[in-house]
Amino acid sequence: MIGWLFLLLIYARRKLRRHRAMSAYRHANARAFALYSQHRAIGTELLKALQAERAAGERMEAVLSSEK
């Protein structure tokens, strides 16, 4: 009887360990995807800001050259 209980305890421990490992893996993947999404959003924002700055610079050059 004690042997069976011991084997059941070992099985339960393994199952719990496997469950925790899979949960941690899913959590890590979700976190990595969230970080990737943040990096993409920051990159897109930066690109738009650089394009706006370049357009403003071109407009300024056009205004300055038309004044001469």
PDB file of N, CA and C in Angstrom:
ATOM      1  N   MET A   1       0.827  -1.201   0.000  1.00  0.00           N
ATOM      2  CA  MET A   1       0.000   0.000   0.000  1.00  0.00           C
ATOM      3  C   MET A   1       0.864   1.256   0.000  1.00  0.00           C
ATOM      4  N   ILE A   2       1.885   1.253   0.853  1.00  0.00           N
ATOM      5  CA  ILE A   2       2.756   2.428   0.921  1.00  0.00           C
ATOM      6  C   ILE A   2       3.526   2.598  -0.387  1.00  0.00           C
ATOM      7  N   GLY A   3       3.880   1.485  -1.019  1.00  0.00           N
ATOM      8  CA  GLY A   3       4.579   1.557  -2.300  1.00  0.00           C
ATOM      9  C   GLY A   3       3.742   2.256  -3.360  1.00  0.00           C
ATOM     10  N   TRP A   4       2.445   1.935  -3.384  1.00  0.00           N
ATOM     11  CA  TRP A   4       1.558   2.565  -4.353  1.00  0.00           C
ATOM     12  C   TRP A   4       1.392   4.053  -4.071  1.00  0.00           C
ATOM     13  N   LEU A   5       1.281   4.388  -2.807  1.00  0.00           N
ATOM     14  CA  LEU A   5       1.162   5.803  -2.446  1.00  0.00           C
ATOM     15  C   LEU A   5       2.417   6.574  -2.842  1.00  0.00           C
ATOM     16  N   PHE A   6       3.569   5.934  -2.618  1.00  0.00           N
ATOM     17  CA  PHE A   6       4.833   6.571  -2.986  1.00  0.00           C
ATOM     18  C   PHE A   6       4.898   6.794  -4.498  1.00  0.00           C
ATOM     19  N   LEU A   7       4.504   5.770  -5.275  1.00  0.00           N
ATOM     20  CA  LEU A   7       4.508   5.912  -6.731  1.00  0.00           C
ATOM     21  C   LEU A   7       3.521   6.986  -7.193  1.00  0.00           C
ATOM     22  N   LEU A   8       2.370   7.045  -6.529  1.00  0.00           N
ATOM     23  CA  LEU A   8       1.388   8.070  -6.860  1.00  0.00           C
ATOM     24  C   LEU A   8       1.931   9.466  -6.552  1.00  0.00           C
ATOM     25  N   LEU A   9       2.651   9.586  -5.437  1.00  0.00           N
ATOM     26  CA  LEU A   9       3.262  10.861  -5.077  1.00  0.00           C
ATOM     27  C   LEU A   9       4.305  11.274  -6.114  1.00  0.00           C
ATOM     28  N   ILE A  10       5.117  10.331  -6.544  1.00  0.00           N
ATOM     29  CA  ILE A  10       6.127  10.628  -7.569  1.00  0.00           C
ATOM     30  C   ILE A  10       5.449  11.081  -8.861  1.00  0.00           C
ATOM     31  N   TYR A  11       4.381  10.365  -9.245  1.00  0.00           N
ATOM     32  CA  TYR A  11       3.650  10.729 -10.464  1.00  0.00           C
ATOM     33  C   TYR A  11       3.063  12.133 -10.352  1.00  0.00           C
ATOM     34  N   ALA A  12       2.477  12.442  -9.204  1.00  0.00           N
ATOM     35  CA  ALA A  12       1.872  13.763  -9.000  1.00  0.00           C
ATOM     36  C   ALA A  12       2.934  14.853  -9.049  1.00  0.00           C
ATOM     37  N   ARG A  13       4.082  14.592  -8.459  1.00  0.00           N
ATOM     38  CA  ARG A  13       5.165  15.583  -8.492  1.00  0.00           C
ATOM     39  C   ARG A  13       5.624  15.844  -9.915  1.00  0.00           C
ATOM     40  N   ARG A  14       5.789  14.757 -10.686  1.00  0.00           N
ATOM     41  CA  ARG A  14       6.219  14.915 -12.075  1.00  0.00           C
ATOM     42  C   ARG A  14       5.187  15.694 -12.879  1.00  0.00           C
ATOM     43  N   LYS A  15       3.920  15.348 -12.661  1.00  0.00           N
ATOM     44  CA  LYS A  15       2.857  16.037 -13.390  1.00  0.00           C
ATOM     45  C   LYS A  15       2.831  17.521 -13.035  1.00  0.00           C
ATOM     46  N   LEU A  16       2.990  17.846 -11.761  1.00  0.00           N
ATOM     47  CA  LEU A  16       3.008  19.241 -11.330  1.00  0.00           C
ATOM     48  C   LEU A  16       4.220  19.971 -11.908  1.00  0.00           C
ATOM     49  N   ARG A  17       5.370  19.302 -11.891  1.00  0.00           N
ATOM     50  CA  ARG A  17       6.579  19.910 -12.444  1.00  0.00           C
ATOM     51  C   ARG A  17       6.410  20.184 -13.940  1.00  0.00           C
ATOM     52  N   ARG A  18       5.828  19.222 -14.654  1.00  0.00           N
ATOM     53  CA  ARG A  18       5.586  19.396 -16.084  1.00  0.00           C
ATOM     54  C   ARG A  18       4.601  20.544 -16.333  1.00  0.00           C
ATOM     55  N   HIS A  19       3.564  20.600 -15.510  1.00  0.00           N
ATOM     56  CA  HIS A  19       2.572  21.674 -15.648  1.00  0.00           C
ATOM     57  C   HIS A  19       3.220  23.041 -15.427  1.00  0.00           C
ATOM     58  N   ARG A  20       4.042  23.148 -14.402  1.00  0.00           N
ATOM     59  CA  ARG A  20       4.713  24.424 -14.123  1.00  0.00           C
ATOM     60  C   ARG A  20       5.668  24.807 -15.243  1.00  0.00           C
ATOM     61  N   ALA A  21       6.372  23.824 -15.793  1.00  0.00           N
ATOM     62  CA  ALA A  21       7.304  24.105 -16.886  1.00  0.00           C
ATOM     63  C   ALA A  21       6.556  24.606 -18.121  1.00  0.00           C
ATOM     64  N   MET A  22       5.447  23.955 -18.449  1.00  0.00           N
ATOM     65  CA  MET A  22       4.674  24.387 -19.616  1.00  0.00           C
ATOM     66  C   MET A  22       4.071  25.772 -19.388  1.00  0.00           C
ATOM     67  N   SER A  23       3.627  26.029 -18.180  1.00  0.00           N
ATOM     68  CA  SER A  23       3.068  27.339 -17.857  1.00  0.00           C
ATOM     69  C   SER A  23       4.140  28.420 -17.983  1.00  0.00           C
ATOM     70  N   ALA A  24       5.325  28.142 -17.484  1.00  0.00           N
ATOM     71  CA  ALA A  24       6.430  29.104 -17.584  1.00  0.00           C
ATOM     72  C   ALA A  24       6.812  29.338 -19.046  1.00  0.00           C
ATOM     73  N   TYR A  25       6.797  28.272 -19.840  1.00  0.00           N
ATOM     74  CA  TYR A  25       7.122  28.384 -21.257  1.00  0.00           C
ATOM     75  C   TYR A  25       6.104  29.270 -21.973  1.00  0.00           C
ATOM     76  N   ARG A  26       4.818  29.041 -21.710  1.00  0.00           N
ATOM     77  CA  ARG A  26       3.777  29.867 -22.330  1.00  0.00           C
ATOM     78  C   ARG A  26       3.908  31.323 -21.897  1.00  0.00           C
ATOM     79  N   HIS A  27       4.190  31.523 -20.619  1.00  0.00           N
ATOM     80  CA  HIS A  27       4.348  32.887 -20.109  1.00  0.00           C
ATOM     81  C   HIS A  27       5.540  33.579 -20.779  1.00  0.00           C
ATOM     82  N   ALA A  28       6.636  32.856 -20.939  1.00  0.00           N
ATOM     83  CA  ALA A  28       7.825  33.431 -21.581  1.00  0.00           C
ATOM     84  C   ALA A  28       7.529  33.792 -23.034  1.00  0.00           C
ATOM     85  N   ASN A  29       6.794  32.931 -23.731  1.00  0.00           N
ATOM     86  CA  ASN A  29       6.442  33.235 -25.122  1.00  0.00           C
ATOM     87  C   ASN A  29       5.549  34.462 -25.208  1.00  0.00           C
ATOM     88  N   ALA A  30       4.587  34.560 -24.310  1.00  0.00           N
ATOM     89  CA  ALA A  30       3.693  35.721 -24.316  1.00  0.00           C
ATOM     90  C   ALA A  30       4.478  36.995 -24.033  1.00  0.00           C
ATOM     91  N   ARG A  31       5.412  36.922 -23.104  1.00  0.00           N
ATOM     92  CA  ARG A  31       6.229  38.091 -22.774  1.00  0.00           C
ATOM     93  C   ARG A  31       7.123  38.480 -23.949  1.00  0.00           C
ATOM     94  N   ALA A  32       7.712  37.497 -24.596  1.00  0.00           N
ATOM     95  CA  ALA A  32       8.565  37.784 -25.750  1.00  0.00           C
ATOM     96  C   ALA A  32       7.753  38.434 -26.868  1.00  0.00           C
ATOM     97  N   PHE A  33       6.542  37.942 -27.101  1.00  0.00           N
ATOM     98  CA  PHE A  33       5.708  38.533 -28.146  1.00  0.00           C
ATOM     99  C   PHE A  33       5.315  39.959 -27.787  1.00  0.00           C
ATOM    100  N   ALA A  34       5.017  40.200 -26.512  1.00  0.00           N
ATOM    101  CA  ALA A  34       4.664  41.557 -26.071  1.00  0.00           C
ATOM    102  C   ALA A  34       5.844  42.505 -26.264  1.00  0.00           C
ATOM    103  N   LEU A  35       7.049  42.056 -25.913  1.00  0.00           N
ATOM    104  CA  LEU A  35       8.236  42.897 -26.100  1.00  0.00           C
ATOM    105  C   LEU A  35       8.487  43.169 -27.582  1.00  0.00           C
ATOM    106  N   TYR A  36       8.301  42.139 -28.410  1.00  0.00           N
ATOM    107  CA  TYR A  36       8.474  42.295 -29.852  1.00  0.00           C
ATOM    108  C   TYR A  36       7.480  43.322 -30.391  1.00  0.00           C
ATOM    109  N   SER A  37       6.239  43.248 -29.937  1.00  0.00           N
ATOM    110  CA  SER A  37       5.221  44.207 -30.381  1.00  0.00           C
ATOM    111  C   SER A  37       5.579  45.624 -29.952  1.00  0.00           C
ATOM    112  N   GLN A  38       6.084  45.766 -28.730  1.00  0.00           N
ATOM    113  CA  GLN A  38       6.498  47.090 -28.258  1.00  0.00           C
ATOM    114  C   GLN A  38       7.632  47.640 -29.111  1.00  0.00           C
ATOM    115  N   HIS A  39       8.606  46.796 -29.422  1.00  0.00           N
ATOM    116  CA  HIS A  39       9.740  47.240 -30.234  1.00  0.00           C
ATOM    117  C   HIS A  39       9.273  47.660 -31.623  1.00  0.00           C
ATOM    118  N   ARG A  40       8.346  46.905 -32.199  1.00  0.00           N
ATOM    119  CA  ARG A  40       7.819  47.279 -33.517  1.00  0.00           C
ATOM    120  C   ARG A  40       7.093  48.609 -33.450  1.00  0.00           C
ATOM    121  N   ALA A  41       6.306  48.813 -32.400  1.00  0.00           N
ATOM    122  CA  ALA A  41       5.565  50.075 -32.264  1.00  0.00           C
ATOM    123  C   ALA A  41       6.524  51.248 -32.108  1.00  0.00           C
ATOM    124  N   ILE A  42       7.568  51.055 -31.317  1.00  0.00           N
ATOM    125  CA  ILE A  42       8.560  52.121 -31.127  1.00  0.00           C
ATOM    126  C   ILE A  42       9.265  52.419 -32.446  1.00  0.00           C
ATOM    127  N   GLY A  43       9.613  51.375 -33.190  1.00  0.00           N
ATOM    128  CA  GLY A  43      10.266  51.565 -34.483  1.00  0.00           C
ATOM    129  C   GLY A  43       9.382  52.315 -35.464  1.00  0.00           C
ATOM    130  N   THR A  44       8.101  51.965 -35.490  1.00  0.00           N
ATOM    131  CA  THR A  44       7.157  52.647 -36.381  1.00  0.00           C
ATOM    132  C   THR A  44       7.022  54.112 -35.999  1.00  0.00           C
ATOM    133  N   GLU A  45       6.924  54.357 -34.698  1.00  0.00           N
ATOM    134  CA  GLU A  45       6.813  55.735 -34.210  1.00  0.00           C
ATOM    135  C   GLU A  45       8.056  56.546 -34.583  1.00  0.00           C
ATOM    136  N   LEU A  46       9.217  55.950 -34.401  1.00  0.00           N
ATOM    137  CA  LEU A  46      10.466  56.628 -34.730  1.00  0.00           C
ATOM    138  C   LEU A  46      10.549  56.923 -36.223  1.00  0.00           C
ATOM    139  N   LEU A  47      10.148  55.963 -37.036  1.00  0.00           N
ATOM    140  CA  LEU A  47      10.175  56.161 -38.480  1.00  0.00           C
ATOM    141  C   LEU A  47       9.264  57.314 -38.895  1.00  0.00           C
ATOM    142  N   LYS A  48       8.061  57.373 -38.311  1.00  0.00           N
ATOM    143  CA  LYS A  48       7.142  58.473 -38.635  1.00  0.00           C
ATOM    144  C   LYS A  48       7.720  59.815 -38.210  1.00  0.00           C
ATOM    145  N   ALA A  49       8.358  59.851 -37.036  1.00  0.00           N
ATOM    146  CA  ALA A  49       8.957  61.100 -36.560  1.00  0.00           C
ATOM    147  C   ALA A  49      10.091  61.544 -37.483  1.00  0.00           C
ATOM    148  N   LEU A  50      10.913  60.604 -37.919  1.00  0.00           N
ATOM    149  CA  LEU A  50      12.011  60.952 -38.829  1.00  0.00           C
ATOM    150  C   LEU A  50      11.486  61.439 -40.173  1.00  0.00           C
ATOM    151  N   GLN A  51      10.427  60.802 -40.674  1.00  0.00           N
ATOM    152  CA  GLN A  51       9.837  61.243 -41.939  1.00  0.00           C
ATOM    153  C   GLN A  51       9.254  62.645 -41.806  1.00  0.00           C
ATOM    154  N   ALA A  52       8.588  62.914 -40.676  1.00  0.00           N
ATOM    155  CA  ALA A  52       8.021  64.247 -40.452  1.00  0.00           C
ATOM    156  C   ALA A  52       9.129  65.286 -40.346  1.00  0.00           C
ATOM    157  N   GLU A  53      10.224  64.925 -39.675  1.00  0.00           N
ATOM    158  CA  GLU A  53      11.348  65.855 -39.544  1.00  0.00           C
ATOM    159  C   GLU A  53      11.971  66.140 -40.909  1.00  0.00           C
ATOM    160  N   ARG A  54      12.111  65.104 -41.722  1.00  0.00           N
ATOM    161  CA  ARG A  54      12.684  65.297 -43.052  1.00  0.00           C
ATOM    162  C   ARG A  54      11.773  66.174 -43.913  1.00  0.00           C
ATOM    163  N   ALA A  55      10.458  65.947 -43.834  1.00  0.00           N
ATOM    164  CA  ALA A  55       9.514  66.758 -44.611  1.00  0.00           C
ATOM    165  C   ALA A  55       9.553  68.212 -44.150  1.00  0.00           C
ATOM    166  N   ALA A  56       9.644  68.427 -42.839  1.00  0.00           N
ATOM    167  CA  ALA A  56       9.724  69.799 -42.319  1.00  0.00           C
ATOM    168  C   ALA A  56      11.010  70.468 -42.785  1.00  0.00           C
ATOM    169  N   GLY A  57      12.104  69.728 -42.788  1.00  0.00           N
ATOM    170  CA  GLY A  57      13.369  70.277 -43.269  1.00  0.00           C
ATOM    171  C   GLY A  57      13.298  70.654 -44.735  1.00  0.00           C
ATOM    172  N   GLU A  58      12.652  69.809 -45.540  1.00  0.00           N
ATOM    173  CA  GLU A  58      12.509  70.113 -46.965  1.00  0.00           C
ATOM    174  C   GLU A  58      11.640  71.350 -47.177  1.00  0.00           C
ATOM    175  N   ARG A  59      10.569  71.465 -46.386  1.00  0.00           N
ATOM    176  CA  ARG A  59       9.713  72.658 -46.510  1.00  0.00           C
ATOM    177  C   ARG A  59      10.482  73.913 -46.107  1.00  0.00           C
ATOM    178  N   MET A  60      11.291  73.801 -45.058  1.00  0.00           N
ATOM    179  CA  MET A  60      12.080  74.949 -44.609  1.00  0.00           C
ATOM    180  C   MET A  60      13.076  75.350 -45.687  1.00  0.00           C
ATOM    181  N   GLU A  61      13.705  74.367 -46.303  1.00  0.00           N
ATOM    182  CA  GLU A  61      14.656  74.664 -47.389  1.00  0.00           C
ATOM    183  C   GLU A  61      13.941  75.347 -48.555  1.00  0.00           C
ATOM    184  N   ALA A  62      12.717  74.880 -48.856  1.00  0.00           N
ATOM    185  CA  ALA A  62      11.955  75.480 -49.962  1.00  0.00           C
ATOM    186  C   ALA A  62      11.588  76.925 -49.642  1.00  0.00           C
ATOM    187  N   VAL A  63      11.196  77.186 -48.408  1.00  0.00           N
ATOM    188  CA  VAL A  63      10.841  78.556 -48.010  1.00  0.00           C
ATOM    189  C   VAL A  63      12.069  79.448 -48.058  1.00  0.00           C
ATOM    190  N   LEU A  64      13.185  78.959 -47.535  1.00  0.00           N
ATOM    191  CA  LEU A  64      14.411  79.766 -47.534  1.00  0.00           C
ATOM    192  C   LEU A  64      14.908  80.029 -48.949  1.00  0.00           C
ATOM    193  N   SER A  65      14.795  79.052 -49.828  1.00  0.00           N
ATOM    194  CA  SER A  65      15.274  79.263 -51.196  1.00  0.00           C
ATOM    195  C   SER A  65      14.328  80.172 -51.982  1.00  0.00           C
ATOM    196  N   SER A  66      13.043  80.184 -51.633  1.00  0.00           N
ATOM    197  CA  SER A  66      12.103  81.059 -52.352  1.00  0.00           C
ATOM    198  C   SER A  66      12.234  82.512 -51.901  1.00  0.00           C
ATOM    199  N   GLU A  67      12.777  82.748 -50.716  1.00  0.00           N
ATOM    200  CA  GLU A  67      12.953  84.117 -50.225  1.00  0.00           C
ATOM    201  C   GLU A  67      14.113  84.821 -50.903  1.00  0.00           C
ATOM    202  N   LYS A  68      15.044  84.076 -51.433  1.00  0.00           N
ATOM    203  CA  LYS A  68      16.236  84.690 -52.039  1.00  0.00           C
ATOM    204  C   LYS A  68      15.947  85.307 -53.368  1.00  0.00           C
TER     205      LYS A  68
END
